[in-house]
């Protein structure tokens, strides 16, 4: 994925972006807030869990929207068929 596309996709998903930023912050020890490897590991695991949770939430929302659109198309199609009779 191109950098611009990645940034675009993350901007559409702020919760996912927040967790990715946290993971990057941990990996670079940006704020020098983590002194021990065990603490870094725990923080990284939590950030990854957050990424997974946000990704699944985004997937579920997208899937629900797709399903709703499919149902709406079927209803509209059925209504057209009823009107023709």
Foldseek 3Di string as FASTA:
>chain_A
DDPVVVVVVCVVQVQLVVLVVQLVCLVVVVVVPDDDPVVSVVSNVVSVVSNVVSVVVVVVVVVVVVVVVVVVVVVVVVVVVVVVD
